[in-house]
Amino acid sequence: MSLEEARALLQEIPHWEIVDDGQAIRRIFTFSDHYEVMAFVNAIAWISHRENHHPVLTVGYSRCEVVYTTHAVEGLTENDFICAAKVDALLE
């Protein structure tokens, strides 16, 4: 996927950003406590299992960084954006 295509799809998930020279998308979520973070991580695990597409998660006490990339193509695919939108939907 070209950087221009990625930027166009990013309009659908406005809280995310393109990182790693266009190779990934990232969003940092913040919560009030660790219990909420872990519930969120478990919900992402369910999405990941259903989609067979797994993000990199960095988890702290009150935050979770979610990074999507498609390792098979060493960059972004439409599936990264679909999964990111599903993660966003968890908090709507």
PDB file of N, CA and C in Angstrom:
ATOM      1  N   MET A   1       0.839  -1.167   0.000  1.00  0.00           N
ATOM      2  CA  MET A   1       0.000   0.000   0.000  1.00  0.00           C
ATOM      3  C   MET A   1       0.891   1.239   0.000  1.00  0.00           C
ATOM      4  N   SER A   2       0.540   2.169  -0.848  1.00  0.00           N
ATOM      5  CA  SER A   2       1.327   3.405  -0.907  1.00  0.00           C
ATOM      6  C   SER A   2       0.991   4.294   0.287  1.00  0.00           C
ATOM      7  N   LEU A   3       1.859   5.241   0.555  1.00  0.00           N
ATOM      8  CA  LEU A   3       1.636   6.170   1.650  1.00  0.00           C
ATOM      9  C   LEU A   3       0.388   7.018   1.391  1.00  0.00           C
ATOM     10  N   GLU A   4       0.143   7.353   0.156  1.00  0.00           N
ATOM     11  CA  GLU A   4      -1.052   8.130  -0.192  1.00  0.00           C
ATOM     12  C   GLU A   4      -2.316   7.323   0.084  1.00  0.00           C
ATOM     13  N   GLU A   5      -2.310   6.042  -0.250  1.00  0.00           N
ATOM     14  CA  GLU A   5      -3.461   5.177   0.043  1.00  0.00           C
ATOM     15  C   GLU A   5      -3.672   5.054   1.551  1.00  0.00           C
ATOM     16  N   ALA A   6      -2.584   4.926   2.276  1.00  0.00           N
ATOM     17  CA  ALA A   6      -2.678   4.818   3.731  1.00  0.00           C
ATOM     18  C   ALA A   6      -3.247   6.102   4.325  1.00  0.00           C
ATOM     19  N   ARG A   7      -2.807   7.229   3.851  1.00  0.00           N
ATOM     20  CA  ARG A   7      -3.324   8.511   4.353  1.00  0.00           C
ATOM     21  C   ARG A   7      -4.815   8.656   4.072  1.00  0.00           C
ATOM     22  N   ALA A   8      -5.256   8.170   2.932  1.00  0.00           N
ATOM     23  CA  ALA A   8      -6.686   8.229   2.596  1.00  0.00           C
ATOM     24  C   ALA A   8      -7.494   7.356   3.554  1.00  0.00           C
ATOM     25  N   LEU A   9      -7.012   6.150   3.829  1.00  0.00           N
ATOM     26  CA  LEU A   9      -7.726   5.257   4.745  1.00  0.00           C
ATOM     27  C   LEU A   9      -7.670   5.773   6.183  1.00  0.00           C
ATOM     28  N   LEU A  10      -6.633   6.491   6.520  1.00  0.00           N
ATOM     29  CA  LEU A  10      -6.486   7.039   7.862  1.00  0.00           C
ATOM     30  C   LEU A  10      -7.617   8.017   8.183  1.00  0.00           C
ATOM     31  N   GLN A  11      -8.226   8.595   7.164  1.00  0.00           N
ATOM     32  CA  GLN A  11      -9.355   9.504   7.384  1.00  0.00           C
ATOM     33  C   GLN A  11     -10.524   8.792   8.072  1.00  0.00           C
ATOM     34  N   GLU A  12     -10.610   7.479   7.904  1.00  0.00           N
ATOM     35  CA  GLU A  12     -11.684   6.688   8.510  1.00  0.00           C
ATOM     36  C   GLU A  12     -11.417   6.366   9.977  1.00  0.00           C
ATOM     37  N   ILE A  13     -10.168   6.476  10.397  1.00  0.00           N
ATOM     38  CA  ILE A  13      -9.782   6.190  11.787  1.00  0.00           C
ATOM     39  C   ILE A  13      -8.914   7.354  12.282  1.00  0.00           C
ATOM     40  N   PRO A  14      -9.537   8.500  12.552  1.00  0.00           N
ATOM     41  CA  PRO A  14      -8.786   9.741  12.769  1.00  0.00           C
ATOM     42  C   PRO A  14      -7.888   9.778  14.001  1.00  0.00           C
ATOM     43  N   HIS A  15      -8.064   8.904  14.970  1.00  0.00           N
ATOM     44  CA  HIS A  15      -7.216   8.936  16.165  1.00  0.00           C
ATOM     45  C   HIS A  15      -5.921   8.138  15.990  1.00  0.00           C
ATOM     46  N   TRP A  16      -5.774   7.507  14.862  1.00  0.00           N
ATOM     47  CA  TRP A  16      -4.581   6.708  14.584  1.00  0.00           C
ATOM     48  C   TRP A  16      -3.586   7.561  13.815  1.00  0.00           C
ATOM     49  N   GLU A  17      -2.323   7.123  13.836  1.00  0.00           N
ATOM     50  CA  GLU A  17      -1.280   7.818  13.079  1.00  0.00           C
ATOM     51  C   GLU A  17      -0.439   6.794  12.317  1.00  0.00           C
ATOM     52  N   ILE A  18       0.124   7.253  11.231  1.00  0.00           N
ATOM     53  CA  ILE A  18       1.038   6.425  10.450  1.00  0.00           C
ATOM     54  C   ILE A  18       2.422   6.560  11.060  1.00  0.00           C
ATOM     55  N   VAL A  19       3.093   5.428  11.286  1.00  0.00           N
ATOM     56  CA  VAL A  19       4.426   5.418  11.901  1.00  0.00           C
ATOM     57  C   VAL A  19       5.349   4.500  11.108  1.00  0.00           C
ATOM     58  N   ASP A  20       6.589   4.468  11.519  1.00  0.00           N
ATOM     59  CA  ASP A  20       7.606   3.591  10.917  1.00  0.00           C
ATOM     60  C   ASP A  20       7.714   3.787   9.411  1.00  0.00           C
ATOM     61  N   ASP A  21       7.813   5.046   9.010  1.00  0.00           N
ATOM     62  CA  ASP A  21       7.960   5.392   7.584  1.00  0.00           C
ATOM     63  C   ASP A  21       6.858   4.795   6.716  1.00  0.00           C
ATOM     64  N   GLY A  22       5.633   4.820   7.237  1.00  0.00           N
ATOM     65  CA  GLY A  22       4.490   4.333   6.464  1.00  0.00           C
ATOM     66  C   GLY A  22       4.270   2.840   6.538  1.00  0.00           C
ATOM     67  N   GLN A  23       4.973   2.163   7.422  1.00  0.00           N
ATOM     68  CA  GLN A  23       4.879   0.711   7.508  1.00  0.00           C
ATOM     69  C   GLN A  23       3.864   0.223   8.538  1.00  0.00           C
ATOM     70  N   ALA A  24       3.338   1.130   9.373  1.00  0.00           N
ATOM     71  CA  ALA A  24       2.439   0.731  10.447  1.00  0.00           C
ATOM     72  C   ALA A  24       1.526   1.888  10.824  1.00  0.00           C
ATOM     73  N   ILE A  25       0.456   1.544  11.559  1.00  0.00           N
ATOM     74  CA  ILE A  25      -0.410   2.552  12.155  1.00  0.00           C
ATOM     75  C   ILE A  25      -0.443   2.315  13.661  1.00  0.00           C
ATOM     76  N   ARG A  26      -0.632   3.406  14.414  1.00  0.00           N
ATOM     77  CA  ARG A  26      -0.561   3.309  15.872  1.00  0.00           C
ATOM     78  C   ARG A  26      -1.585   4.229  16.516  1.00  0.00           C
ATOM     79  N   ARG A  27      -2.085   3.751  17.658  1.00  0.00           N
ATOM     80  CA  ARG A  27      -2.912   4.593  18.518  1.00  0.00           C
ATOM     81  C   ARG A  27      -2.597   4.242  19.966  1.00  0.00           C
ATOM     82  N   ILE A  28      -2.570   5.255  20.813  1.00  0.00           N
ATOM     83  CA  ILE A  28      -2.374   5.053  22.241  1.00  0.00           C
ATOM     84  C   ILE A  28      -3.701   5.331  22.938  1.00  0.00           C
ATOM     85  N   PHE A  29      -4.172   4.343  23.681  1.00  0.00           N
ATOM     86  CA  PHE A  29      -5.412   4.442  24.436  1.00  0.00           C
ATOM     87  C   PHE A  29      -5.070   4.632  25.905  1.00  0.00           C
ATOM     88  N   THR A  30      -5.810   5.491  26.587  1.00  0.00           N
ATOM     89  CA  THR A  30      -5.582   5.691  28.017  1.00  0.00           C
ATOM     90  C   THR A  30      -6.851   5.347  28.788  1.00  0.00           C
ATOM     91  N   PHE A  31      -6.644   4.842  30.000  1.00  0.00           N
ATOM     92  CA  PHE A  31      -7.733   4.380  30.851  1.00  0.00           C
ATOM     93  C   PHE A  31      -7.497   4.860  32.276  1.00  0.00           C
ATOM     94  N   SER A  32      -8.482   4.665  33.131  1.00  0.00           N
ATOM     95  CA  SER A  32      -8.346   5.145  34.503  1.00  0.00           C
ATOM     96  C   SER A  32      -7.564   4.194  35.396  1.00  0.00           C
ATOM     97  N   ASP A  33      -7.499   2.912  35.019  1.00  0.00           N
ATOM     98  CA  ASP A  33      -6.759   1.970  35.866  1.00  0.00           C
ATOM     99  C   ASP A  33      -6.357   0.729  35.067  1.00  0.00           C
ATOM    100  N   HIS A  34      -5.592  -0.110  35.725  1.00  0.00           N
ATOM    101  CA  HIS A  34      -5.048  -1.304  35.066  1.00  0.00           C
ATOM    102  C   HIS A  34      -6.138  -2.310  34.694  1.00  0.00           C
ATOM    103  N   TYR A  35      -7.165  -2.412  35.511  1.00  0.00           N
ATOM    104  CA  TYR A  35      -8.256  -3.331  35.211  1.00  0.00           C
ATOM    105  C   TYR A  35      -8.907  -2.986  33.870  1.00  0.00           C
ATOM    106  N   GLU A  36      -9.150  -1.700  33.622  1.00  0.00           N
ATOM    107  CA  GLU A  36      -9.744  -1.283  32.347  1.00  0.00           C
ATOM    108  C   GLU A  36      -8.807  -1.579  31.184  1.00  0.00           C
ATOM    109  N   VAL A  37      -7.512  -1.351  31.387  1.00  0.00           N
ATOM    110  CA  VAL A  37      -6.537  -1.653  30.333  1.00  0.00           C
ATOM    111  C   VAL A  37      -6.582  -3.141  29.986  1.00  0.00           C
ATOM    112  N   MET A  38      -6.597  -3.983  31.008  1.00  0.00           N
ATOM    113  CA  MET A  38      -6.569  -5.425  30.763  1.00  0.00           C
ATOM    114  C   MET A  38      -7.863  -5.913  30.109  1.00  0.00           C
ATOM    115  N   ALA A  39      -8.994  -5.335  30.461  1.00  0.00           N
ATOM    116  CA  ALA A  39     -10.253  -5.684  29.802  1.00  0.00           C
ATOM    117  C   ALA A  39     -10.187  -5.310  28.321  1.00  0.00           C
ATOM    118  N   PHE A  40      -9.621  -4.147  28.046  1.00  0.00           N
ATOM    119  CA  PHE A  40      -9.452  -3.683  26.671  1.00  0.00           C
ATOM    120  C   PHE A  40      -8.531  -4.620  25.893  1.00  0.00           C
ATOM    121  N   VAL A  41      -7.412  -5.000  26.496  1.00  0.00           N
ATOM    122  CA  VAL A  41      -6.464  -5.916  25.856  1.00  0.00           C
ATOM    123  C   VAL A  41      -7.140  -7.251  25.551  1.00  0.00           C
ATOM    124  N   ASN A  42      -7.931  -7.754  26.470  1.00  0.00           N
ATOM    125  CA  ASN A  42      -8.640  -9.017  26.227  1.00  0.00           C
ATOM    126  C   ASN A  42      -9.640  -8.887  25.088  1.00  0.00           C
ATOM    127  N   ALA A  43     -10.300  -7.745  24.979  1.00  0.00           N
ATOM    128  CA  ALA A  43     -11.219  -7.530  23.862  1.00  0.00           C
ATOM    129  C   ALA A  43     -10.454  -7.472  22.539  1.00  0.00           C
ATOM    130  N   ILE A  44      -9.290  -6.848  22.538  1.00  0.00           N
ATOM    131  CA  ILE A  44      -8.457  -6.831  21.332  1.00  0.00           C
ATOM    132  C   ILE A  44      -8.021  -8.253  20.973  1.00  0.00           C
ATOM    133  N   ALA A  45      -7.708  -9.057  21.970  1.00  0.00           N
ATOM    134  CA  ALA A  45      -7.312 -10.449  21.713  1.00  0.00           C
ATOM    135  C   ALA A  45      -8.435 -11.202  21.006  1.00  0.00           C
ATOM    136  N   TRP A  46      -9.673 -10.941  21.391  1.00  0.00           N
ATOM    137  CA  TRP A  46     -10.808 -11.607  20.744  1.00  0.00           C
ATOM    138  C   TRP A  46     -10.903 -11.171  19.277  1.00  0.00           C
ATOM    139  N   ILE A  47     -10.769  -9.865  19.029  1.00  0.00           N
ATOM    140  CA  ILE A  47     -10.782  -9.374  17.643  1.00  0.00           C
ATOM    141  C   ILE A  47      -9.638 -10.001  16.853  1.00  0.00           C
ATOM    142  N   SER A  48      -8.458 -10.038  17.448  1.00  0.00           N
ATOM    143  CA  SER A  48      -7.282 -10.594  16.769  1.00  0.00           C
ATOM    144  C   SER A  48      -7.495 -12.054  16.390  1.00  0.00           C
ATOM    145  N   HIS A  49      -8.080 -12.799  17.297  1.00  0.00           N
ATOM    146  CA  HIS A  49      -8.350 -14.217  17.029  1.00  0.00           C
ATOM    147  C   HIS A  49      -9.356 -14.368  15.892  1.00  0.00           C
ATOM    148  N   ARG A  50     -10.426 -13.585  15.934  1.00  0.00           N
ATOM    149  CA  ARG A  50     -11.470 -13.673  14.900  1.00  0.00           C
ATOM    150  C   ARG A  50     -10.945 -13.255  13.522  1.00  0.00           C
ATOM    151  N   GLU A  51     -10.090 -12.252  13.488  1.00  0.00           N
ATOM    152  CA  GLU A  51      -9.568 -11.723  12.228  1.00  0.00           C
ATOM    153  C   GLU A  51      -8.281 -12.417  11.785  1.00  0.00           C
ATOM    154  N   ASN A  52      -7.684 -13.186  12.687  1.00  0.00           N
ATOM    155  CA  ASN A  52      -6.380 -13.803  12.440  1.00  0.00           C
ATOM    156  C   ASN A  52      -5.358 -12.733  12.018  1.00  0.00           C
ATOM    157  N   HIS A  53      -5.396 -11.632  12.748  1.00  0.00           N
ATOM    158  CA  HIS A  53      -4.488 -10.514  12.489  1.00  0.00           C
ATOM    159  C   HIS A  53      -4.171  -9.886  13.837  1.00  0.00           C
ATOM    160  N   HIS A  54      -2.909  -9.910  14.226  1.00  0.00           N
ATOM    161  CA  HIS A  54      -2.516  -9.598  15.592  1.00  0.00           C
ATOM    162  C   HIS A  54      -1.646  -8.353  15.671  1.00  0.00           C
ATOM    163  N   PRO A  55      -2.086  -7.358  16.458  1.00  0.00           N
ATOM    164  CA  PRO A  55      -1.286  -6.153  16.610  1.00  0.00           C
ATOM    165  C   PRO A  55      -0.172  -6.358  17.627  1.00  0.00           C
ATOM    166  N   VAL A  56       0.734  -5.414  17.633  1.00  0.00           N
ATOM    167  CA  VAL A  56       1.724  -5.328  18.706  1.00  0.00           C
ATOM    168  C   VAL A  56       1.088  -4.463  19.783  1.00  0.00           C
ATOM    169  N   LEU A  57       1.032  -4.996  20.999  1.00  0.00           N
ATOM    170  CA  LEU A  57       0.452  -4.266  22.126  1.00  0.00           C
ATOM    171  C   LEU A  57       1.531  -3.963  23.148  1.00  0.00           C
ATOM    172  N   THR A  58       1.584  -2.723  23.579  1.00  0.00           N
ATOM    173  CA  THR A  58       2.457  -2.327  24.674  1.00  0.00           C
ATOM    174  C   THR A  58       1.549  -1.849  25.787  1.00  0.00           C
ATOM    175  N   VAL A  59       1.578  -2.563  26.908  1.00  0.00           N
ATOM    176  CA  VAL A  59       0.608  -2.351  27.974  1.00  0.00           C
ATOM    177  C   VAL A  59       1.297  -1.773  29.205  1.00  0.00           C
ATOM    178  N   GLY A  60       0.678  -0.752  29.773  1.00  0.00           N
ATOM    179  CA  GLY A  60       1.125  -0.170  31.030  1.00  0.00           C
ATOM    180  C   GLY A  60      -0.036  -0.089  32.001  1.00  0.00           C
ATOM    181  N   TYR A  61       0.174   0.574  33.117  1.00  0.00           N
ATOM    182  CA  TYR A  61      -0.859   0.645  34.151  1.00  0.00           C
ATOM    183  C   TYR A  61      -2.156   1.256  33.625  1.00  0.00           C
ATOM    184  N   SER A  62      -2.069   2.352  32.901  1.00  0.00           N
ATOM    185  CA  SER A  62      -3.275   3.048  32.457  1.00  0.00           C
ATOM    186  C   SER A  62      -3.275   3.360  30.964  1.00  0.00           C
ATOM    187  N   ARG A  63      -2.441   2.645  30.216  1.00  0.00           N
ATOM    188  CA  ARG A  63      -2.393   2.904  28.771  1.00  0.00           C
ATOM    189  C   ARG A  63      -2.087   1.630  27.996  1.00  0.00           C
ATOM    190  N   CYS A  64      -2.479   1.666  26.741  1.00  0.00           N
ATOM    191  CA  CYS A  64      -2.179   0.558  25.831  1.00  0.00           C
ATOM    192  C   CYS A  64      -1.881   1.152  24.458  1.00  0.00           C
ATOM    193  N   GLU A  65      -0.703   0.872  23.967  1.00  0.00           N
ATOM    194  CA  GLU A  65      -0.327   1.279  22.614  1.00  0.00           C
ATOM    195  C   GLU A  65      -0.628   0.106  21.689  1.00  0.00           C
ATOM    196  N   VAL A  66      -1.351   0.387  20.613  1.00  0.00           N
ATOM    197  CA  VAL A  66      -1.730  -0.639  19.642  1.00  0.00           C
ATOM    198  C   VAL A  66      -1.096  -0.270  18.309  1.00  0.00           C
ATOM    199  N   VAL A  67      -0.346  -1.202  17.740  1.00  0.00           N
ATOM    200  CA  VAL A  67       0.322  -0.976  16.448  1.00  0.00           C
ATOM    201  C   VAL A  67      -0.070  -2.108  15.500  1.00  0.00           C
ATOM    202  N   TYR A  68      -0.580  -1.726  14.349  1.00  0.00           N
ATOM    203  CA  TYR A  68      -0.905  -2.697  13.304  1.00  0.00           C
ATOM    204  C   TYR A  68       0.040  -2.532  12.129  1.00  0.00           C
ATOM    205  N   THR A  69       0.500  -3.654  11.622  1.00  0.00           N
ATOM    206  CA  THR A  69       1.254  -3.751  10.383  1.00  0.00           C
ATOM    207  C   THR A  69       1.037  -5.160   9.864  1.00  0.00           C
ATOM    208  N   THR A  70       1.307  -5.386   8.603  1.00  0.00           N
ATOM    209  CA  THR A  70       1.181  -6.730   8.052  1.00  0.00           C
ATOM    210  C   THR A  70       2.578  -7.225   7.717  1.00  0.00           C
ATOM    211  N   HIS A  71       3.071  -8.125   8.552  1.00  0.00           N
ATOM    212  CA  HIS A  71       4.444  -8.605   8.409  1.00  0.00           C
ATOM    213  C   HIS A  71       4.680  -9.321   7.085  1.00  0.00           C
ATOM    214  N   ALA A  72       3.660  -9.991   6.569  1.00  0.00           N
ATOM    215  CA  ALA A  72       3.818 -10.755   5.322  1.00  0.00           C
ATOM    216  C   ALA A  72       4.168  -9.858   4.138  1.00  0.00           C
ATOM    217  N   VAL A  73       3.739  -8.610   4.175  1.00  0.00           N
ATOM    218  CA  VAL A  73       4.058  -7.682   3.080  1.00  0.00           C
ATOM    219  C   VAL A  73       5.009  -6.578   3.535  1.00  0.00           C
ATOM    220  N   GLU A  74       5.432  -6.662   4.797  1.00  0.00           N
ATOM    221  CA  GLU A  74       6.340  -5.668   5.371  1.00  0.00           C
ATOM    222  C   GLU A  74       5.802  -4.257   5.219  1.00  0.00           C
ATOM    223  N   GLY A  75       4.529  -4.100   5.560  1.00  0.00           N
ATOM    224  CA  GLY A  75       3.902  -2.785   5.474  1.00  0.00           C
ATOM    225  C   GLY A  75       2.430  -2.867   5.799  1.00  0.00           C
ATOM    226  N   LEU A  76       1.701  -1.898   5.313  1.00  0.00           N
ATOM    227  CA  LEU A  76       0.281  -1.804   5.606  1.00  0.00           C
ATOM    228  C   LEU A  76      -0.581  -2.450   4.539  1.00  0.00           C
ATOM    229  N   THR A  77      -1.695  -3.004   4.991  1.00  0.00           N
ATOM    230  CA  THR A  77      -2.733  -3.513   4.090  1.00  0.00           C
ATOM    231  C   THR A  77      -4.073  -2.978   4.579  1.00  0.00           C
ATOM    232  N   GLU A  78      -5.090  -3.150   3.784  1.00  0.00           N
ATOM    233  CA  GLU A  78      -6.430  -2.710   4.172  1.00  0.00           C
ATOM    234  C   GLU A  78      -6.871  -3.387   5.473  1.00  0.00           C
ATOM    235  N   ASN A  79      -6.446  -4.617   5.698  1.00  0.00           N
ATOM    236  CA  ASN A  79      -6.824  -5.342   6.907  1.00  0.00           C
ATOM    237  C   ASN A  79      -6.340  -4.631   8.175  1.00  0.00           C
ATOM    238  N   ASP A  80      -5.201  -3.968   8.120  1.00  0.00           N
ATOM    239  CA  ASP A  80      -4.723  -3.206   9.279  1.00  0.00           C
ATOM    240  C   ASP A  80      -5.730  -2.124   9.663  1.00  0.00           C
ATOM    241  N   PHE A  81      -6.271  -1.457   8.673  1.00  0.00           N
ATOM    242  CA  PHE A  81      -7.229  -0.384   8.918  1.00  0.00           C
ATOM    243  C   PHE A  81      -8.576  -0.925   9.375  1.00  0.00           C
ATOM    244  N   ILE A  82      -8.978  -2.064   8.840  1.00  0.00           N
ATOM    245  CA  ILE A  82     -10.225  -2.704   9.277  1.00  0.00           C
ATOM    246  C   ILE A  82     -10.120  -3.098  10.742  1.00  0.00           C
ATOM    247  N   CYS A  83      -9.020  -3.716  11.123  1.00  0.00           N
ATOM    248  CA  CYS A  83      -8.836  -4.128  12.513  1.00  0.00           C
ATOM    249  C   CYS A  83      -8.752  -2.922  13.437  1.00  0.00           C
ATOM    250  N   ALA A  84      -8.093  -1.864  13.005  1.00  0.00           N
ATOM    251  CA  ALA A  84      -8.015  -0.651  13.816  1.00  0.00           C
ATOM    252  C   ALA A  84      -9.405  -0.079  14.039  1.00  0.00           C
ATOM    253  N   ALA A  85     -10.241  -0.084  13.015  1.00  0.00           N
ATOM    254  CA  ALA A  85     -11.610   0.420  13.164  1.00  0.00           C
ATOM    255  C   ALA A  85     -12.407  -0.452  14.143  1.00  0.00           C
ATOM    256  N   LYS A  86     -12.169  -1.748  14.131  1.00  0.00           N
ATOM    257  CA  LYS A  86     -12.858  -2.644  15.069  1.00  0.00           C
ATOM    258  C   LYS A  86     -12.394  -2.380  16.495  1.00  0.00           C
ATOM    259  N   VAL A  87     -11.123  -2.076  16.680  1.00  0.00           N
ATOM    260  CA  VAL A  87     -10.625  -1.726  18.010  1.00  0.00           C
ATOM    261  C   VAL A  87     -11.275  -0.415  18.471  1.00  0.00           C
ATOM    262  N   ASP A  88     -11.347   0.558  17.585  1.00  0.00           N
ATOM    263  CA  ASP A  88     -12.011   1.822  17.937  1.00  0.00           C
ATOM    264  C   ASP A  88     -13.455   1.588  18.365  1.00  0.00           C
ATOM    265  N   ALA A  89     -14.132   0.679  17.682  1.00  0.00           N
ATOM    266  CA  ALA A  89     -15.546   0.409  17.984  1.00  0.00           C
ATOM    267  C   ALA A  89     -15.755  -0.137  19.395  1.00  0.00           C
ATOM    268  N   LEU A  90     -14.716  -0.710  19.980  1.00  0.00           N
ATOM    269  CA  LEU A  90     -14.837  -1.208  21.350  1.00  0.00           C
ATOM    270  C   LEU A  90     -15.161  -0.097  22.343  1.00  0.00           C
ATOM    271  N   LEU A  91     -14.770   1.116  22.025  1.00  0.00           N
ATOM    272  CA  LEU A  91     -14.943   2.233  22.953  1.00  0.00           C
ATOM    273  C   LEU A  91     -16.068   3.181  22.567  1.00  0.00           C
ATOM    274  N   GLU A  92     -16.815   2.819  21.558  1.00  0.00           N
ATOM    275  CA  GLU A  92     -17.932   3.699  21.141  1.00  0.00           C
ATOM    276  C   GLU A  92     -19.165   3.427  21.963  1.00  0.00           C
TER     277      GLU A  92
END
